[in-house]
Each structure stands twice: as C-alpha cells, then as structure tokens.
C-alpha cells in the first residue's frame, strides 16, 4: 500500500513539474521583434508582425537580411549539366542577396523561400536550377547572392508574393510583392 502512495506522490510531482515548465516556457515566449525594411530610396521602416516589401527593398527578418533584387519569367534555367525546362509552363526566377546578421554560423537554403499566388496556392523552389544556395552555411556577416526558381503556370507573372523566412528556427517571415 505504501508503494502505491509513493508512486502516486511521484506521479503527481512529475505532473506538477511539467506544468511549471510549460508555464515558464509560455511566459518566456519570443520577442515580438519589429522587422526592419529599408526601401530602395533609403528610408528605414519598422514593421511589427509579418512585413511586406517590394523588389529593391532590404529586409531584416530573424538572423537574415534579404535584398530582393529582381524577378523575371523564364522558359529555361541553368541546370547542373544543361538548361532545364519546367514541368509546368514557366519559371519565375527571383534574384536575392542574403546576409547572415546573426551571431552564429547559419545555413541558407532555398527552403526558406516560397511563392504564393493571390488565391493562396503555394509553390516551393524548383530543384532544377543549379544553385549554390542549397544548404549554404554562412558565417556572421557572410553574404550570398543567387537566384531561386519557382515553376508556375503561364500567364501568372504579377500575382505572386515571395515569402522569405528568417531562418530554420524562426517563425518570422516577410512577403515581397513581385509585381
């Protein structure tokens, strides 16, 4: 009988400990840090929550600072050996410069970016574009400029926003109007 009482007390103690840890974790939460957007004309704006930028803007989100240089449509992209064609109708190719503004080495990946159309459909980066961005580790203040290709239907060129994440561990994103 005493064994069952001891097990019961231990069980209640563990549940109490779990509840305390969960409460502490919820209270600590993440900072709702403002996203800094520097427009092409040099103005700096801070935006709470998810931000929207335009081509040419520089945006700090999480441990990354992105400058969205250009967006274009293409029927082919440079593959590892030869030019590649899309499985769908066309590519939208976005040129981006990324700078690691964190304090630690961080990995840049095409998976930090996705394309969304006005109906809410999401397009992941195409693996057909030979791109050194794939899982590129960068030291603090290191930068990389490259292109990301997305396969999309013909006729859709300006109805898209590029969504960039602030890193693998970050929930912060920024949306970039491509049109």
Protein backbone atom coordinates (compact mmCIF):
# COMPACT_ATOMS: atom_id res chain seq x y z
CA UNK A 1 0.00 0.00 0.00
CA UNK A 2 2.81 2.41 0.86
CA UNK A 3 4.40 1.64 -2.52
CA UNK A 4 1.25 2.81 -4.33
CA UNK A 5 1.16 6.01 -2.24
CA UNK A 6 4.81 6.70 -3.07
CA UNK A 7 4.22 6.10 -6.78
CA UNK A 8 1.14 8.36 -6.66
CA UNK A 9 3.10 11.18 -5.00
CA UNK A 10 5.92 10.78 -7.51
CA UNK A 11 3.43 10.84 -10.38
CA UNK A 12 1.76 14.00 -9.05
CA UNK A 13 5.17 15.60 -8.53
CA UNK A 14 6.15 14.91 -12.15
CA UNK A 15 2.89 16.32 -13.46
CA UNK A 16 3.39 19.42 -11.31
CA UNK A 17 6.93 19.84 -12.63
CA UNK A 18 5.72 19.52 -16.24
CA UNK A 19 3.03 22.15 -15.64
CA UNK A 20 5.58 24.57 -14.14
CA UNK A 21 7.98 24.07 -17.08
CA UNK A 22 5.17 24.67 -19.61
CA UNK A 23 4.07 27.85 -17.81
CA UNK A 24 7.64 29.17 -17.73
CA UNK A 25 8.12 28.40 -21.44
CA UNK A 26 4.88 30.20 -22.33
CA UNK A 27 5.82 33.23 -20.25
CA UNK A 28 9.29 33.48 -21.79
CA UNK A 29 7.98 33.29 -25.37
CA UNK A 30 9.82 35.00 -28.20
CA UNK A 31 10.26 38.72 -28.50
CA UNK A 32 7.86 40.29 -30.98
CA UNK A 33 10.76 41.99 -32.67
CA UNK A 34 9.99 44.51 -35.38
CA UNK A 35 11.02 43.70 -38.93
CA UNK A 36 13.26 46.40 -40.39
CA UNK A 37 12.56 47.34 -44.00
CA UNK A 38 14.91 49.63 -45.89
CA UNK A 39 13.28 50.82 -49.10
CA UNK A 40 15.21 51.42 -52.34
CA UNK A 41 15.18 55.15 -51.63
CA UNK A 42 16.97 54.55 -48.31
CA UNK A 43 14.06 55.06 -45.90
CA UNK A 44 14.03 52.65 -42.95
CA UNK A 45 10.69 51.48 -41.56
CA UNK A 46 9.99 49.10 -38.67
CA UNK A 47 7.01 46.78 -39.06
CA UNK A 48 5.56 44.62 -36.25
CA UNK A 49 4.44 41.12 -37.22
CA UNK A 50 4.87 39.92 -40.78
CA UNK A 51 6.10 42.63 -43.15
CA UNK A 52 5.50 43.24 -46.86
CA UNK A 53 8.33 44.56 -49.01
CA UNK A 54 8.85 45.40 -52.67
CA UNK A 55 11.61 44.48 -55.11
CA UNK A 56 14.69 46.54 -54.31
CA UNK A 57 13.93 46.68 -50.57
CA UNK A 58 16.28 45.29 -47.93
CA UNK A 59 14.57 43.50 -45.07
CA UNK A 60 15.95 42.14 -41.78
CA UNK A 61 13.95 39.15 -40.61
CA UNK A 62 15.28 36.77 -37.96
CA UNK A 63 19.02 36.17 -38.46
CA UNK A 64 18.93 37.15 -42.14
CA UNK A 65 18.91 40.37 -44.09
CA UNK A 66 17.49 39.95 -47.58
CA UNK A 67 17.64 42.30 -50.55
CA UNK A 68 15.20 41.29 -53.28
CA UNK A 69 16.95 42.41 -56.45
CA UNK A 70 14.76 41.29 -59.34
CA UNK A 71 12.12 38.85 -60.59
CA UNK A 72 11.67 37.57 -64.13
CA UNK A 73 9.94 34.80 -66.05
CA UNK A 74 11.96 32.19 -67.93
CA UNK A 75 11.28 29.15 -70.08
CA UNK A 76 14.60 27.53 -69.06
CA UNK A 77 17.06 27.71 -66.18
CA UNK A 78 20.69 26.63 -65.92
CA UNK A 79 20.87 23.07 -64.64
CA UNK A 80 23.93 21.13 -63.48
CA UNK A 81 24.72 19.85 -66.99
CA UNK A 82 22.26 21.55 -69.33
CA UNK A 83 19.41 24.03 -69.41
CA UNK A 84 16.28 22.68 -67.76
CA UNK A 85 12.64 23.27 -68.69
CA UNK A 86 9.79 23.43 -66.18
CA UNK A 87 7.33 20.59 -65.63
CA UNK A 88 4.64 23.28 -65.63
CA UNK A 89 4.61 26.21 -68.06
CA UNK A 90 7.31 28.63 -66.90
CA UNK A 91 9.71 29.64 -64.16
CA UNK A 92 9.63 32.75 -62.05
CA UNK A 93 13.25 33.45 -61.10
CA UNK A 94 13.94 35.75 -58.16
CA UNK A 95 17.41 37.17 -57.53
CA UNK A 96 18.13 37.71 -53.85
CA UNK A 97 21.08 38.77 -51.73
CA UNK A 98 21.16 37.23 -48.25
CA UNK A 99 23.39 38.37 -45.37
CA UNK A 100 23.75 36.45 -42.10
CA UNK A 101 23.19 39.16 -39.48
CA UNK A 102 23.09 36.68 -36.59
CA UNK A 103 25.92 35.94 -34.17
CA UNK A 104 26.42 32.32 -35.26
CA UNK A 105 27.04 30.45 -38.49
CA UNK A 106 23.66 29.87 -40.15
CA UNK A 107 22.54 27.83 -43.13
CA UNK A 108 20.89 29.46 -46.12
CA UNK A 109 18.54 27.26 -48.10
CA UNK A 110 16.01 27.59 -50.88
CA UNK A 111 13.51 26.04 -48.48
CA UNK A 112 13.39 29.38 -46.61
CA UNK A 113 11.52 30.81 -49.61
CA UNK A 114 8.14 30.03 -51.14
CA UNK A 115 5.92 31.69 -53.69
CA UNK A 116 2.22 32.37 -53.05
CA UNK A 117 -0.38 33.41 -55.61
CA UNK A 118 -3.37 35.63 -54.86
CA UNK A 119 -5.60 32.55 -54.39
CA UNK A 120 -3.26 31.27 -51.66
CA UNK A 121 -1.62 28.44 -53.63
CA UNK A 122 1.99 27.86 -52.56
CA UNK A 123 4.92 26.99 -54.83
CA UNK A 124 8.17 25.57 -53.47
CA UNK A 125 11.53 26.37 -55.03
CA UNK A 126 12.39 24.24 -58.04
CA UNK A 127 15.33 21.87 -57.77
CA UNK A 128 16.04 22.25 -61.50
CA UNK A 129 18.03 25.47 -61.11
CA UNK A 130 21.68 24.77 -60.33
CA UNK A 131 22.13 26.96 -57.34
CA UNK A 132 24.90 27.18 -54.81
CA UNK A 133 22.33 28.49 -52.32
CA UNK A 134 21.23 24.95 -51.45
CA UNK A 135 22.18 24.48 -47.80
CA UNK A 136 24.93 27.09 -47.87
CA UNK A 137 26.39 27.72 -44.39
CA UNK A 138 27.43 31.35 -43.87
CA UNK A 139 29.44 32.82 -41.03
CA UNK A 140 28.17 36.00 -39.34
CA UNK A 141 28.22 38.93 -41.80
CA UNK A 142 28.72 36.48 -44.69
CA UNK A 143 26.61 37.10 -47.77
CA UNK A 144 25.46 35.26 -50.85
CA UNK A 145 23.68 36.47 -53.98
CA UNK A 146 21.82 33.92 -56.05
CA UNK A 147 18.61 33.03 -57.81
CA UNK A 148 15.65 30.94 -56.75
CA UNK A 149 13.35 29.45 -59.41
CA UNK A 150 9.70 28.52 -58.98
CA UNK A 151 7.65 26.56 -61.53
CA UNK A 152 4.31 28.29 -62.18
CA UNK A 153 1.53 28.26 -64.82
CA UNK A 154 1.80 30.53 -67.89
CA UNK A 155 0.19 33.94 -67.67
CA UNK A 156 0.87 34.30 -63.95
CA UNK A 157 3.65 36.79 -63.52
CA UNK A 158 2.49 39.61 -61.26
CA UNK A 159 0.00 37.86 -58.99
CA UNK A 160 2.72 36.47 -56.72
CA UNK A 161 4.34 37.28 -53.42
CA UNK A 162 7.60 35.70 -52.35
CA UNK A 163 7.64 34.70 -48.70
CA UNK A 164 11.04 34.61 -47.01
CA UNK A 165 11.60 33.06 -43.59
CA UNK A 166 14.08 34.44 -41.06
CA UNK A 167 15.88 31.11 -40.66
CA UNK A 168 15.04 27.50 -39.85
CA UNK A 169 14.33 28.26 -36.18
CA UNK A 170 12.46 31.50 -36.90
CA UNK A 171 8.71 31.85 -37.27
CA UNK A 172 9.09 35.39 -38.68
CA UNK A 173 8.52 35.89 -42.38
CA UNK A 174 8.43 38.74 -44.85
CA UNK A 175 6.32 38.87 -48.01
CA UNK A 176 7.73 40.53 -51.13
CA UNK A 177 5.46 41.83 -53.86
CA UNK A 178 6.92 40.72 -57.19
CA UNK A 179 4.68 42.76 -59.48
